[in-house]
Structure formats: structure tokens, C-alpha cells
Amino acid sequence: MSESLHPIAPHHLPSFITAPGDTDVMMVGVGIFLIVAVLAVGNLYLHLHSLPERMAHKSQKFQFEIVAVLCLLALFTHNHLFWVIGLFLAMIDLPDFSSPLRRIAGSVEKMAGVPPEEDPTEPPAGAAAHPAAPGDAKAASAKSEVHSHA
């Protein structure tokens, strides 16, 4: 049998047409390119979705956890409003209302003659006045030791 072309077929075939039984190089190349492109676009998408969270984490914002939850909600629900709200929260600084209100409450208590309550965030006033006993040195060093999770 001779491998002659049909008389109506063109005599010059494009390079992307392969002979029967040969490997289609263009299809393999396009397949590899498609896999790399999908992975790159997915990486870019996830990197963009975590942008507000990274912005809030870098600047040590008070609302970091709220921004992180909004970014996750936007990622899993495809509701872009959550992402936009998270981005705005990451860009602004929320004012600290608790410190002035705590000071106002302390002043009002002082004016009323009520003894102020102990602030749980501050160490007790009498703890620093007492000298440590020699046996307490071990306990103090054990308390100051920081345990890592690594």
C-alpha cells in the first residue's frame, strides 16, 4: 500500500497536524501550559483573598480576627461583600473606646467615694513590695520560663 494523499487534500499540512500513531506534541505542550496556568491563577486568587488578613496582621490591628473571619467567609461563600468589608477593616484603625471609658468610670467612683475595683490586667500592688524568700527563686524562675510550641 502506498501512503499517497487524497487528490483533493493540500500538499502542505500545518506542523500541528501529526501523523497517525505519533505523539501530538502541541497537545502535550498545551496540557502542561494549562495545568501551570490553572495553578498560577489559583495561587494568585488565594493570595489576593488573604490580602486583608495579611494587611491587618502586619500592622497589628485590634480587629485582626474579624478580618480573618470575613476573608474566610468570602472565600467559602463567594460573597465578595465580606472581602470588601474585611479590606476596609484592615485599612482603618478602630478607636480605643475602652480606655477613656474605664478612666471616666474610675473618676466617677472616686467622686462617689467608692473604693476602685482591682484591674485584672494590672499586677496586685502588694506583690512587688514583698521580698522573695530563697526557696521562691526556683518558683520564680519556673514562672518566668516561656514554653514554646515548637
C-alpha atoms as a PDB file:
ATOM      1  CA  MET A   1       0.000   0.000   0.000  1.00  0.00           C
ATOM      2  CA  SER A   2       1.228   3.417  -0.765  1.00  0.00           C
ATOM      3  CA  GLU A   3       0.751   6.367   1.550  1.00  0.00           C
ATOM      4  CA  SER A   4      -0.420   8.787  -1.090  1.00  0.00           C
ATOM      5  CA  LEU A   5      -2.531  11.771  -0.230  1.00  0.00           C
ATOM      6  CA  HIS A   6      -6.015  12.186  -1.465  1.00  0.00           C
ATOM      7  CA  PRO A   7      -6.025  14.248  -4.651  1.00  0.00           C
ATOM      8  CA  ILE A   8      -8.176  16.990  -3.053  1.00  0.00           C
ATOM      9  CA  ALA A   9      -6.037  17.274   0.129  1.00  0.00           C
ATOM     10  CA  PRO A  10      -3.491  20.078   0.281  1.00  0.00           C
ATOM     11  CA  HIS A  11       0.081  19.032  -0.326  1.00  0.00           C
ATOM     12  CA  HIS A  12       1.460  21.014   2.614  1.00  0.00           C
ATOM     13  CA  LEU A  13      -0.067  20.238   6.040  1.00  0.00           C
ATOM     14  CA  PRO A  14       0.434  22.532   9.075  1.00  0.00           C
ATOM     15  CA  SER A  15       3.003  21.431  11.654  1.00  0.00           C
ATOM     16  CA  PHE A  16       0.413  20.837  14.395  1.00  0.00           C
ATOM     17  CA  ILE A  17      -1.215  18.010  12.432  1.00  0.00           C
ATOM     18  CA  THR A  18       0.541  14.765  13.330  1.00  0.00           C
ATOM     19  CA  ALA A  19       0.636  11.502  11.519  1.00  0.00           C
ATOM     20  CA  PRO A  20      -1.474   8.639  12.882  1.00  0.00           C
ATOM     21  CA  GLY A  21       0.256   6.892  15.786  1.00  0.00           C
ATOM     22  CA  ASP A  22       2.654   9.795  16.537  1.00  0.00           C
ATOM     23  CA  THR A  23       2.673  11.846  19.724  1.00  0.00           C
ATOM     24  CA  ASP A  24       0.794  15.101  19.464  1.00  0.00           C
ATOM     25  CA  VAL A  25       3.448  17.466  20.790  1.00  0.00           C
ATOM     26  CA  MET A  26       1.232  20.528  20.662  1.00  0.00           C
ATOM     27  CA  MET A  27      -1.489  18.840  22.746  1.00  0.00           C
ATOM     28  CA  VAL A  28       1.062  17.807  25.387  1.00  0.00           C
ATOM     29  CA  GLY A  29       2.506  21.339  25.456  1.00  0.00           C
ATOM     30  CA  VAL A  30      -0.917  22.946  25.752  1.00  0.00           C
ATOM     31  CA  GLY A  31      -1.874  20.473  28.505  1.00  0.00           C
ATOM     32  CA  ILE A  32       1.226  21.315  30.537  1.00  0.00           C
ATOM     33  CA  PHE A  33       0.641  25.033  29.971  1.00  0.00           C
ATOM     34  CA  LEU A  34      -2.989  24.669  31.053  1.00  0.00           C
ATOM     35  CA  ILE A  35      -2.034  22.881  34.282  1.00  0.00           C
ATOM     36  CA  VAL A  36       0.597  25.534  35.112  1.00  0.00           C
ATOM     37  CA  ALA A  37      -1.834  28.355  34.269  1.00  0.00           C
ATOM     38  CA  VAL A  38      -4.602  26.913  36.480  1.00  0.00           C
ATOM     39  CA  LEU A  39      -2.183  26.503  39.402  1.00  0.00           C
ATOM     40  CA  ALA A  40      -0.805  30.035  38.929  1.00  0.00           C
ATOM     41  CA  VAL A  41      -4.269  31.615  38.744  1.00  0.00           C
ATOM     42  CA  GLY A  42      -5.401  29.625  41.803  1.00  0.00           C
ATOM     43  CA  ASN A  43      -2.323  30.752  43.731  1.00  0.00           C
ATOM     44  CA  LEU A  44      -2.965  34.376  42.719  1.00  0.00           C
ATOM     45  CA  TYR A  45      -6.630  34.042  43.746  1.00  0.00           C
ATOM     46  CA  LEU A  46      -5.773  32.672  47.195  1.00  0.00           C
ATOM     47  CA  HIS A  47      -3.005  35.253  47.633  1.00  0.00           C
ATOM     48  CA  LEU A  48      -5.452  38.046  46.772  1.00  0.00           C
ATOM     49  CA  HIS A  49      -8.101  36.638  49.117  1.00  0.00           C
ATOM     50  CA  SER A  50      -5.668  36.726  52.047  1.00  0.00           C
ATOM     51  CA  LEU A  51      -4.595  40.328  51.343  1.00  0.00           C
ATOM     52  CA  PRO A  52      -6.799  41.985  54.021  1.00  0.00           C
ATOM     53  CA  GLU A  53      -5.740  39.411  56.590  1.00  0.00           C
ATOM     54  CA  ARG A  54      -2.049  39.987  55.868  1.00  0.00           C
ATOM     55  CA  MET A  55      -2.555  43.772  55.993  1.00  0.00           C
ATOM     56  CA  ALA A  56      -4.221  43.561  59.413  1.00  0.00           C
ATOM     57  CA  HIS A  57      -1.567  41.155  60.712  1.00  0.00           C
ATOM     58  CA  LYS A  58       1.351  43.361  59.597  1.00  0.00           C
ATOM     59  CA  SER A  59       0.027  46.450  61.342  1.00  0.00           C
ATOM     60  CA  GLN A  60      -1.048  44.536  64.499  1.00  0.00           C
ATOM     61  CA  LYS A  61      -4.652  45.688  64.249  1.00  0.00           C
ATOM     62  CA  PHE A  62      -7.101  45.100  67.051  1.00  0.00           C
ATOM     63  CA  GLN A  63      -9.661  43.747  64.562  1.00  0.00           C
ATOM     64  CA  PHE A  64      -7.341  41.087  63.049  1.00  0.00           C
ATOM     65  CA  GLU A  65      -9.596  38.159  63.988  1.00  0.00           C
ATOM     66  CA  ILE A  66     -12.667  39.851  62.497  1.00  0.00           C
ATOM     67  CA  VAL A  67     -10.807  40.491  59.241  1.00  0.00           C
ATOM     68  CA  ALA A  68      -9.601  36.871  59.136  1.00  0.00           C
ATOM     69  CA  VAL A  69     -13.137  35.517  59.610  1.00  0.00           C
ATOM     70  CA  LEU A  70     -14.522  37.854  56.935  1.00  0.00           C
ATOM     71  CA  CYS A  71     -11.837  36.701  54.476  1.00  0.00           C
ATOM     72  CA  LEU A  72     -12.659  33.045  55.128  1.00  0.00           C
ATOM     73  CA  LEU A  73     -16.378  33.719  54.722  1.00  0.00           C
ATOM     74  CA  ALA A  74     -15.713  35.483  51.430  1.00  0.00           C
ATOM     75  CA  LEU A  75     -13.556  32.593  50.236  1.00  0.00           C
ATOM     76  CA  PHE A  76     -16.069  29.852  51.010  1.00  0.00           C
ATOM     77  CA  THR A  77     -19.327  31.667  50.206  1.00  0.00           C
ATOM     78  CA  HIS A  78     -18.123  33.630  47.152  1.00  0.00           C
ATOM     79  CA  ASN A  79     -19.783  36.686  48.670  1.00  0.00           C
ATOM     80  CA  HIS A  80     -17.390  39.492  47.752  1.00  0.00           C
ATOM     81  CA  LEU A  81     -19.008  41.950  50.145  1.00  0.00           C
ATOM     82  CA  PHE A  82     -17.347  40.125  53.063  1.00  0.00           C
ATOM     83  CA  TRP A  83     -13.953  40.552  51.393  1.00  0.00           C
ATOM     84  CA  VAL A  84     -14.518  44.266  50.777  1.00  0.00           C
ATOM     85  CA  ILE A  85     -15.627  44.802  54.393  1.00  0.00           C
ATOM     86  CA  GLY A  86     -12.540  42.894  55.589  1.00  0.00           C
ATOM     87  CA  LEU A  87     -10.328  45.045  53.372  1.00  0.00           C
ATOM     88  CA  PHE A  88     -11.835  48.251  54.769  1.00  0.00           C
ATOM     89  CA  LEU A  89     -11.467  46.985  58.348  1.00  0.00           C
ATOM     90  CA  ALA A  90      -7.825  46.105  57.670  1.00  0.00           C
ATOM     91  CA  MET A  91      -7.116  49.589  56.337  1.00  0.00           C
ATOM     92  CA  ILE A  92      -8.664  51.633  59.155  1.00  0.00           C
ATOM     93  CA  ASP A  93      -7.757  51.940  62.819  1.00  0.00           C
ATOM     94  CA  LEU A  94     -10.661  51.442  65.183  1.00  0.00           C
ATOM     95  CA  PRO A  95     -10.545  53.925  68.059  1.00  0.00           C
ATOM     96  CA  ASP A  96      -9.927  52.671  71.594  1.00  0.00           C
ATOM     97  CA  PHE A  97     -13.140  53.419  73.478  1.00  0.00           C
ATOM     98  CA  SER A  98     -12.480  51.199  76.494  1.00  0.00           C
ATOM     99  CA  SER A  99      -9.541  53.140  77.995  1.00  0.00           C
ATOM    100  CA  PRO A 100     -11.298  56.528  78.232  1.00  0.00           C
ATOM    101  CA  LEU A 101     -14.488  54.886  79.493  1.00  0.00           C
ATOM    102  CA  ARG A 102     -12.524  52.989  82.153  1.00  0.00           C
ATOM    103  CA  ARG A 103     -10.853  56.228  83.268  1.00  0.00           C
ATOM    104  CA  ILE A 104     -14.216  58.012  83.406  1.00  0.00           C
ATOM    105  CA  ALA A 105     -15.685  55.182  85.463  1.00  0.00           C
ATOM    106  CA  GLY A 106     -12.717  55.318  87.859  1.00  0.00           C
ATOM    107  CA  SER A 107     -13.103  59.088  88.289  1.00  0.00           C
ATOM    108  CA  VAL A 108     -16.827  58.776  88.955  1.00  0.00           C
ATOM    109  CA  GLU A 109     -16.152  56.070  91.549  1.00  0.00           C
ATOM    110  CA  LYS A 110     -13.569  58.326  93.195  1.00  0.00           C
ATOM    111  CA  MET A 111     -16.045  61.232  93.270  1.00  0.00           C
ATOM    112  CA  ALA A 112     -18.717  58.983  94.799  1.00  0.00           C
ATOM    113  CA  GLY A 113     -16.315  57.720  97.466  1.00  0.00           C
ATOM    114  CA  VAL A 114     -16.493  54.078  96.317  1.00  0.00           C
ATOM    115  CA  PRO A 115     -13.165  52.238  96.511  1.00  0.00           C
ATOM    116  CA  PRO A 116     -11.976  51.414  92.970  1.00  0.00           C
ATOM    117  CA  GLU A 117     -12.128  47.808  91.825  1.00  0.00           C
ATOM    118  CA  GLU A 118      -8.924  45.931  91.062  1.00  0.00           C
ATOM    119  CA  ASP A 119      -7.975  45.981  87.391  1.00  0.00           C
ATOM    120  CA  PRO A 120      -7.414  42.365  86.288  1.00  0.00           C
ATOM    121  CA  THR A 121      -4.821  43.456  83.705  1.00  0.00           C
ATOM    122  CA  GLU A 122      -2.512  45.033  86.320  1.00  0.00           C
ATOM    123  CA  PRO A 123      -0.477  43.041  88.873  1.00  0.00           C
ATOM    124  CA  PRO A 124      -1.505  43.421  92.521  1.00  0.00           C
ATOM    125  CA  ALA A 125       0.142  46.380  94.281  1.00  0.00           C
ATOM    126  CA  GLY A 126       1.377  44.282  97.265  1.00  0.00           C
ATOM    127  CA  ALA A 127       3.130  41.639  95.154  1.00  0.00           C
ATOM    128  CA  ALA A 128       6.123  43.836  94.297  1.00  0.00           C
ATOM    129  CA  ALA A 129       6.579  45.128  97.890  1.00  0.00           C
ATOM    130  CA  HIS A 130       7.315  41.721  99.470  1.00  0.00           C
ATOM    131  CA  PRO A 131      10.884  40.387  99.095  1.00  0.00           C
ATOM    132  CA  ALA A 132      11.163  36.880  97.689  1.00  0.00           C
ATOM    133  CA  ALA A 133      12.255  34.075 100.004  1.00  0.00           C
ATOM    134  CA  PRO A 134      15.288  31.937  98.970  1.00  0.00           C
ATOM    135  CA  GLY A 135      13.016  28.948  98.248  1.00  0.00           C
ATOM    136  CA  ASP A 136      10.891  31.062  95.935  1.00  0.00           C
ATOM    137  CA  ALA A 137      13.763  31.559  93.473  1.00  0.00           C
ATOM    138  CA  LYS A 138      13.001  28.231  91.786  1.00  0.00           C
ATOM    139  CA  ALA A 139       9.304  29.031  91.557  1.00  0.00           C
ATOM    140  CA  ALA A 140      10.025  32.479  90.144  1.00  0.00           C
ATOM    141  CA  SER A 141      12.383  31.097  87.507  1.00  0.00           C
ATOM    142  CA  ALA A 142       9.862  28.398  86.571  1.00  0.00           C
ATOM    143  CA  LYS A 143       7.137  31.022  86.190  1.00  0.00           C
ATOM    144  CA  SER A 144       9.325  33.223  84.009  1.00  0.00           C
ATOM    145  CA  GLU A 145      10.228  30.317  81.717  1.00  0.00           C
ATOM    146  CA  VAL A 146       8.389  30.568  78.431  1.00  0.00           C
ATOM    147  CA  HIS A 147       7.230  27.345  76.834  1.00  0.00           C
ATOM    148  CA  SER A 148       7.197  27.212  73.062  1.00  0.00           C
ATOM    149  CA  HIS A 149       5.036  25.042  70.859  1.00  0.00           C
ATOM    150  CA  ALA A 150       7.889  24.099  68.560  1.00  0.00           C
END
